[in-house]
Amino acid sequence: MTLPGNLSSCSDAIQLLVTDTSVAGSPVQIVQLQCSGSLQQPLCDALADGLRQKFPGAAVTAADGQQAGPDLTFRFVEQNQSADWISGWLAWRHSDGRSGQGPVIEQSVMDGQLSGDTLADYAGQLVQNTEFSL
């Protein structure tokens, strides 16, 4: 298969498939994370970091609600939470209307409370295990 334009790598080809633009001169993809007031700040920060790793080169922003312009929007849907346990999933919506959600993932601590480190691990699992049909 001949790739269009001057694509220098596999990641350039993936960028073309995902955004329908080439890397050279392409607009920056905007990924928005909706962080409601009830979402703990350490979890929101960790989710934003995970999304930056999942979408290198994208502008990842956090907002309290839907704002105009993102290519992809994520929202953490909490199922249950206590001092030592959290469960929920990531829901996503693409600007073209496609949407989906990841599996329910839970994290618990047997001998203490949820901390910034355990929430960061949990956020990484949420991002890693959510499939995006983009």
N, C-alpha and C. Protein backbone atom coordinates (compact mmCIF):
# COMPACT_ATOMS: atom_id res chain seq x y z
N MET A 1 0.84 -1.17 0.00
CA MET A 1 0.00 0.00 0.00
C MET A 1 0.89 1.24 0.00
N THR A 2 0.60 2.18 -0.83
CA THR A 2 1.35 3.42 -0.88
C THR A 2 0.67 4.44 0.01
N LEU A 3 1.43 5.02 0.91
CA LEU A 3 0.88 6.02 1.81
C LEU A 3 0.88 7.38 1.14
N PRO A 4 -0.14 8.20 1.38
CA PRO A 4 -0.20 9.52 0.76
C PRO A 4 0.82 10.47 1.36
N GLY A 5 1.28 11.39 0.54
CA GLY A 5 2.17 12.45 1.01
C GLY A 5 3.52 11.94 1.43
N ASN A 6 4.17 12.70 2.25
CA ASN A 6 5.50 12.36 2.75
C ASN A 6 5.41 11.89 4.19
N LEU A 7 4.87 10.72 4.41
CA LEU A 7 4.78 10.19 5.76
C LEU A 7 6.09 9.50 6.10
N SER A 8 6.72 9.94 7.17
CA SER A 8 8.05 9.44 7.49
C SER A 8 8.05 8.28 8.47
N SER A 9 6.91 7.97 9.06
CA SER A 9 6.91 6.89 10.04
C SER A 9 5.52 6.30 10.18
N CYS A 10 5.46 5.20 10.90
CA CYS A 10 4.18 4.55 11.19
C CYS A 10 3.29 5.49 12.00
N SER A 11 3.88 6.24 12.95
CA SER A 11 3.07 7.15 13.76
C SER A 11 2.47 8.26 12.90
N ASP A 12 3.19 8.70 11.85
CA ASP A 12 2.63 9.68 10.94
C ASP A 12 1.42 9.10 10.22
N ALA A 13 1.50 7.83 9.83
CA ALA A 13 0.38 7.17 9.15
C ALA A 13 -0.81 7.04 10.09
N ILE A 14 -0.55 6.70 11.35
CA ILE A 14 -1.63 6.60 12.33
C ILE A 14 -2.27 7.96 12.54
N GLN A 15 -1.45 9.01 12.64
CA GLN A 15 -1.96 10.37 12.79
C GLN A 15 -2.89 10.71 11.62
N LEU A 16 -2.50 10.32 10.42
CA LEU A 16 -3.31 10.59 9.24
C LEU A 16 -4.64 9.85 9.34
N LEU A 17 -4.62 8.60 9.79
CA LEU A 17 -5.84 7.82 9.89
C LEU A 17 -6.77 8.35 10.98
N VAL A 18 -6.20 8.76 12.11
CA VAL A 18 -7.01 9.21 13.23
C VAL A 18 -7.61 10.59 12.98
N THR A 19 -6.82 11.52 12.46
CA THR A 19 -7.28 12.90 12.35
C THR A 19 -7.57 13.33 10.92
N ASP A 20 -7.28 12.47 9.95
CA ASP A 20 -7.48 12.77 8.54
C ASP A 20 -6.62 13.96 8.10
N THR A 21 -5.50 14.19 8.79
CA THR A 21 -4.54 15.21 8.38
C THR A 21 -3.15 14.65 8.56
N SER A 22 -2.20 15.19 7.84
CA SER A 22 -0.82 14.75 8.02
C SER A 22 -0.21 15.49 9.19
N VAL A 23 0.91 14.99 9.68
CA VAL A 23 1.55 15.59 10.84
C VAL A 23 2.08 16.98 10.51
N ALA A 24 2.70 17.12 9.35
CA ALA A 24 3.27 18.41 8.97
C ALA A 24 2.14 19.41 8.74
N GLY A 25 2.10 20.44 9.54
CA GLY A 25 1.12 21.49 9.36
C GLY A 25 -0.28 21.13 9.84
N SER A 26 -0.45 20.01 10.50
CA SER A 26 -1.79 19.63 10.93
C SER A 26 -2.16 20.39 12.20
N PRO A 27 -3.45 20.62 12.40
CA PRO A 27 -3.87 21.28 13.63
C PRO A 27 -3.64 20.34 14.81
N VAL A 28 -3.45 20.91 15.98
CA VAL A 28 -3.25 20.12 17.19
C VAL A 28 -4.59 19.52 17.59
N GLN A 29 -4.60 18.23 17.89
CA GLN A 29 -5.82 17.58 18.36
C GLN A 29 -6.10 18.04 19.78
N ILE A 30 -7.36 18.37 20.06
CA ILE A 30 -7.75 18.84 21.39
C ILE A 30 -8.50 17.72 22.10
N VAL A 31 -7.96 17.29 23.23
CA VAL A 31 -8.58 16.26 24.06
C VAL A 31 -9.00 16.94 25.35
N GLN A 32 -10.30 16.86 25.66
CA GLN A 32 -10.82 17.52 26.86
C GLN A 32 -11.23 16.47 27.89
N LEU A 33 -10.85 16.70 29.12
CA LEU A 33 -11.25 15.87 30.24
C LEU A 33 -12.21 16.68 31.09
N GLN A 34 -13.42 16.18 31.26
CA GLN A 34 -14.39 16.87 32.10
C GLN A 34 -14.14 16.48 33.55
N CYS A 35 -13.76 17.46 34.34
CA CYS A 35 -13.47 17.25 35.76
C CYS A 35 -14.51 17.98 36.58
N SER A 36 -15.54 17.27 37.00
CA SER A 36 -16.59 17.89 37.79
C SER A 36 -16.09 18.17 39.20
N GLY A 37 -16.82 18.97 39.92
CA GLY A 37 -16.43 19.32 41.28
C GLY A 37 -16.30 18.12 42.21
N SER A 38 -17.05 17.05 41.93
CA SER A 38 -16.99 15.87 42.80
C SER A 38 -15.78 14.99 42.51
N LEU A 39 -15.13 15.20 41.37
CA LEU A 39 -13.96 14.39 41.01
C LEU A 39 -12.75 14.91 41.79
N GLN A 40 -12.11 14.02 42.52
CA GLN A 40 -10.95 14.41 43.31
C GLN A 40 -9.86 14.97 42.41
N GLN A 41 -9.25 16.06 42.82
CA GLN A 41 -8.21 16.70 42.01
C GLN A 41 -7.05 15.76 41.69
N PRO A 42 -6.57 14.93 42.63
CA PRO A 42 -5.49 14.01 42.26
C PRO A 42 -5.90 13.05 41.14
N LEU A 43 -7.15 12.59 41.16
CA LEU A 43 -7.62 11.69 40.10
C LEU A 43 -7.74 12.44 38.78
N CYS A 44 -8.26 13.65 38.81
CA CYS A 44 -8.37 14.47 37.60
C CYS A 44 -6.98 14.72 37.00
N ASP A 45 -6.02 15.09 37.84
CA ASP A 45 -4.66 15.34 37.36
C ASP A 45 -4.04 14.07 36.77
N ALA A 46 -4.25 12.93 37.44
CA ALA A 46 -3.68 11.67 36.96
C ALA A 46 -4.33 11.24 35.64
N LEU A 47 -5.64 11.45 35.50
CA LEU A 47 -6.30 11.13 34.23
C LEU A 47 -5.76 12.01 33.11
N ALA A 48 -5.57 13.30 33.39
CA ALA A 48 -5.01 14.20 32.37
C ALA A 48 -3.61 13.74 31.97
N ASP A 49 -2.79 13.34 32.92
CA ASP A 49 -1.44 12.84 32.60
C ASP A 49 -1.52 11.57 31.75
N GLY A 50 -2.43 10.66 32.10
CA GLY A 50 -2.60 9.43 31.33
C GLY A 50 -3.04 9.71 29.90
N LEU A 51 -3.94 10.68 29.73
CA LEU A 51 -4.40 11.04 28.39
C LEU A 51 -3.28 11.69 27.58
N ARG A 52 -2.43 12.48 28.24
CA ARG A 52 -1.28 13.07 27.53
C ARG A 52 -0.33 11.99 27.02
N GLN A 53 -0.17 10.91 27.80
CA GLN A 53 0.67 9.80 27.36
C GLN A 53 0.00 9.02 26.24
N LYS A 54 -1.31 8.86 26.32
CA LYS A 54 -2.06 8.11 25.31
C LYS A 54 -2.12 8.88 23.99
N PHE A 55 -2.19 10.21 24.06
CA PHE A 55 -2.30 11.06 22.88
C PHE A 55 -1.15 12.07 22.86
N PRO A 56 0.09 11.61 22.61
CA PRO A 56 1.22 12.54 22.60
C PRO A 56 1.03 13.59 21.51
N GLY A 57 1.33 14.81 21.84
CA GLY A 57 1.18 15.90 20.87
C GLY A 57 -0.18 16.56 20.90
N ALA A 58 -1.15 15.94 21.58
CA ALA A 58 -2.48 16.53 21.68
C ALA A 58 -2.49 17.56 22.80
N ALA A 59 -3.36 18.53 22.67
CA ALA A 59 -3.56 19.51 23.73
C ALA A 59 -4.63 18.95 24.67
N VAL A 60 -4.22 18.49 25.84
CA VAL A 60 -5.15 17.92 26.82
C VAL A 60 -5.55 19.02 27.79
N THR A 61 -6.85 19.28 27.87
CA THR A 61 -7.36 20.31 28.76
C THR A 61 -8.35 19.69 29.73
N ALA A 62 -8.47 20.29 30.90
CA ALA A 62 -9.45 19.86 31.89
C ALA A 62 -10.47 20.98 32.05
N ALA A 63 -11.74 20.62 32.15
CA ALA A 63 -12.80 21.61 32.26
C ALA A 63 -13.89 21.09 33.19
N ASP A 64 -14.66 22.02 33.76
CA ASP A 64 -15.77 21.63 34.63
C ASP A 64 -16.97 21.12 33.84
N GLY A 65 -17.07 21.48 32.58
CA GLY A 65 -18.19 21.06 31.75
C GLY A 65 -17.78 21.06 30.30
N GLN A 66 -18.71 20.74 29.43
CA GLN A 66 -18.44 20.69 28.00
C GLN A 66 -18.11 22.08 27.48
N GLN A 67 -17.01 22.19 26.76
CA GLN A 67 -16.64 23.44 26.12
C GLN A 67 -16.55 23.19 24.62
N ALA A 68 -16.72 24.22 23.84
CA ALA A 68 -16.72 24.08 22.39
C ALA A 68 -15.32 23.76 21.88
N GLY A 69 -15.28 22.93 20.86
CA GLY A 69 -14.04 22.73 20.14
C GLY A 69 -13.24 21.48 20.36
N PRO A 70 -13.45 20.65 21.40
CA PRO A 70 -12.56 19.50 21.54
C PRO A 70 -12.84 18.45 20.47
N ASP A 71 -11.76 17.77 20.05
CA ASP A 71 -11.91 16.66 19.11
C ASP A 71 -12.40 15.42 19.84
N LEU A 72 -12.02 15.29 21.09
CA LEU A 72 -12.35 14.11 21.87
C LEU A 72 -12.57 14.54 23.32
N THR A 73 -13.68 14.11 23.92
CA THR A 73 -14.00 14.48 25.29
C THR A 73 -14.10 13.22 26.15
N PHE A 74 -13.49 13.26 27.33
CA PHE A 74 -13.53 12.15 28.28
C PHE A 74 -14.20 12.61 29.56
N ARG A 75 -14.88 11.67 30.21
CA ARG A 75 -15.52 11.95 31.50
C ARG A 75 -15.42 10.70 32.35
N PHE A 76 -14.98 10.85 33.59
CA PHE A 76 -14.95 9.73 34.53
C PHE A 76 -16.35 9.57 35.11
N VAL A 77 -16.89 8.36 35.02
CA VAL A 77 -18.21 8.06 35.58
C VAL A 77 -17.98 7.21 36.82
N GLU A 78 -18.23 7.79 37.97
CA GLU A 78 -18.01 7.09 39.24
C GLU A 78 -19.18 6.16 39.52
N GLN A 79 -18.85 4.93 39.84
CA GLN A 79 -19.89 3.97 40.22
C GLN A 79 -20.03 3.94 41.74
N ASN A 80 -18.92 3.81 42.44
CA ASN A 80 -18.90 3.80 43.91
C ASN A 80 -17.58 4.41 44.39
N GLN A 81 -17.63 4.99 45.58
CA GLN A 81 -16.39 5.48 46.18
C GLN A 81 -16.53 5.54 47.69
N SER A 82 -15.47 5.14 48.36
CA SER A 82 -15.35 5.30 49.81
C SER A 82 -13.91 5.71 50.08
N ALA A 83 -13.54 5.81 51.34
CA ALA A 83 -12.18 6.24 51.68
C ALA A 83 -11.12 5.26 51.18
N ASP A 84 -11.49 3.97 51.04
CA ASP A 84 -10.50 2.97 50.64
C ASP A 84 -10.85 2.22 49.35
N TRP A 85 -11.84 2.71 48.60
CA TRP A 85 -12.29 1.98 47.42
C TRP A 85 -12.95 2.92 46.41
N ILE A 86 -12.66 2.71 45.14
CA ILE A 86 -13.29 3.49 44.07
C ILE A 86 -13.54 2.58 42.88
N SER A 87 -14.65 2.80 42.20
CA SER A 87 -14.94 2.07 40.97
C SER A 87 -15.65 3.01 40.00
N GLY A 88 -15.42 2.77 38.72
CA GLY A 88 -16.04 3.59 37.69
C GLY A 88 -15.43 3.28 36.34
N TRP A 89 -15.75 4.10 35.36
CA TRP A 89 -15.25 3.91 34.00
C TRP A 89 -15.06 5.25 33.32
N LEU A 90 -14.35 5.23 32.19
CA LEU A 90 -14.19 6.41 31.35
C LEU A 90 -15.20 6.35 30.22
N ALA A 91 -15.95 7.43 30.04
CA ALA A 91 -16.83 7.59 28.89
C ALA A 91 -16.16 8.58 27.95
N TRP A 92 -16.31 8.38 26.64
CA TRP A 92 -15.70 9.29 25.68
C TRP A 92 -16.68 9.63 24.57
N ARG A 93 -16.48 10.81 23.97
CA ARG A 93 -17.29 11.25 22.84
C ARG A 93 -16.37 11.97 21.86
N HIS A 94 -16.43 11.54 20.60
CA HIS A 94 -15.65 12.18 19.53
C HIS A 94 -16.48 13.33 18.97
N SER A 95 -15.82 14.32 18.39
CA SER A 95 -16.52 15.48 17.84
C SER A 95 -17.48 15.11 16.72
N ASP A 96 -17.28 13.95 16.08
CA ASP A 96 -18.20 13.54 15.01
C ASP A 96 -19.41 12.77 15.53
N GLY A 97 -19.54 12.66 16.86
CA GLY A 97 -20.71 12.03 17.46
C GLY A 97 -20.50 10.62 17.96
N ARG A 98 -19.42 9.96 17.53
CA ARG A 98 -19.15 8.61 18.04
C ARG A 98 -18.87 8.68 19.53
N SER A 99 -19.28 7.64 20.25
CA SER A 99 -19.05 7.63 21.69
C SER A 99 -18.88 6.20 22.17
N GLY A 100 -18.42 6.08 23.39
CA GLY A 100 -18.23 4.76 23.97
C GLY A 100 -17.83 4.89 25.42
N GLN A 101 -17.55 3.74 26.00
CA GLN A 101 -17.09 3.73 27.38
C GLN A 101 -16.19 2.54 27.61
N GLY A 102 -15.31 2.69 28.58
CA GLY A 102 -14.42 1.61 28.95
C GLY A 102 -15.07 0.70 29.97
N PRO A 103 -14.35 -0.33 30.37
CA PRO A 103 -14.89 -1.26 31.37
C PRO A 103 -14.90 -0.63 32.76
N VAL A 104 -15.73 -1.17 33.62
CA VAL A 104 -15.73 -0.75 35.03
C VAL A 104 -14.44 -1.28 35.65
N ILE A 105 -13.70 -0.37 36.27
CA ILE A 105 -12.45 -0.74 36.93
C ILE A 105 -12.55 -0.26 38.37
N GLU A 106 -12.07 -1.08 39.28
CA GLU A 106 -12.09 -0.68 40.68
C GLU A 106 -10.70 -0.77 41.28
N GLN A 107 -10.49 0.02 42.30
CA GLN A 107 -9.22 0.05 43.03
C GLN A 107 -9.58 0.10 44.50
N SER A 108 -8.92 -0.74 45.28
CA SER A 108 -9.15 -0.71 46.73
C SER A 108 -7.82 -0.81 47.45
N VAL A 109 -7.84 -0.32 48.68
CA VAL A 109 -6.67 -0.37 49.55
C VAL A 109 -7.10 -1.13 50.80
N MET A 110 -6.34 -2.18 51.13
CA MET A 110 -6.74 -3.02 52.27
C MET A 110 -6.32 -2.45 53.62
N ASP A 111 -5.22 -1.71 53.66
CA ASP A 111 -4.68 -1.30 54.95
C ASP A 111 -4.56 0.22 55.09
N GLY A 112 -5.43 0.95 54.42
CA GLY A 112 -5.36 2.40 54.51
C GLY A 112 -6.44 3.04 53.66
N GLN A 113 -6.16 4.26 53.22
CA GLN A 113 -7.09 5.00 52.39
C GLN A 113 -6.50 5.22 51.01
N LEU A 114 -7.36 5.55 50.06
CA LEU A 114 -6.88 5.91 48.73
C LEU A 114 -5.97 7.13 48.84
N SER A 115 -4.86 7.09 48.14
CA SER A 115 -3.91 8.20 48.17
C SER A 115 -3.70 8.72 46.75
N GLY A 116 -2.92 9.76 46.62
CA GLY A 116 -2.59 10.27 45.30
C GLY A 116 -1.93 9.22 44.43
N ASP A 117 -1.05 8.41 45.03
CA ASP A 117 -0.36 7.36 44.26
C ASP A 117 -1.32 6.27 43.80
N THR A 118 -2.24 5.84 44.69
CA THR A 118 -3.17 4.79 44.28
C THR A 118 -4.16 5.33 43.24
N LEU A 119 -4.55 6.60 43.36
CA LEU A 119 -5.43 7.19 42.36
C LEU A 119 -4.72 7.36 41.02
N ALA A 120 -3.42 7.66 41.05
CA ALA A 120 -2.65 7.76 39.80
C ALA A 120 -2.58 6.41 39.11
N ASP A 121 -2.36 5.34 39.89
CA ASP A 121 -2.36 3.99 39.33
C ASP A 121 -3.73 3.65 38.74
N TYR A 122 -4.77 4.01 39.46
CA TYR A 122 -6.14 3.76 39.01
C TYR A 122 -6.43 4.50 37.70
N ALA A 123 -6.03 5.76 37.63
CA ALA A 123 -6.23 6.54 36.41
C ALA A 123 -5.50 5.92 35.23
N GLY A 124 -4.28 5.45 35.47
CA GLY A 124 -3.53 4.79 34.40
C GLY A 124 -4.24 3.55 33.89
N GLN A 125 -4.84 2.78 34.80
CA GLN A 125 -5.59 1.59 34.40
C GLN A 125 -6.84 1.96 33.60
N LEU A 126 -7.51 3.03 34.01
CA LEU A 126 -8.69 3.48 33.27
C LEU A 126 -8.33 3.84 31.83
N VAL A 127 -7.29 4.64 31.66
CA VAL A 127 -6.89 5.08 30.32
C VAL A 127 -6.39 3.89 29.50
N GLN A 128 -5.57 3.04 30.10
CA GLN A 128 -4.99 1.91 29.38
C GLN A 128 -6.05 0.92 28.91
N ASN A 129 -7.10 0.72 29.70
CA ASN A 129 -8.09 -0.31 29.38
C ASN A 129 -9.33 0.20 28.65
N THR A 130 -9.38 1.49 28.35
CA THR A 130 -10.49 2.03 27.58
C THR A 130 -10.12 2.01 26.11
N GLU A 131 -10.93 1.32 25.30
CA GLU A 131 -10.68 1.24 23.87
C GLU A 131 -11.40 2.38 23.17
N PHE A 132 -10.70 2.99 22.23
CA PHE A 132 -11.24 4.11 21.48
C PHE A 132 -11.34 3.70 20.03
N SER A 133 -12.54 3.69 19.46
CA SER A 133 -12.69 3.33 18.06
C SER A 133 -12.58 4.60 17.21
N LEU A 134 -11.37 5.09 17.10
CA LEU A 134 -11.13 6.33 16.36
C LEU A 134 -10.53 6.05 15.01
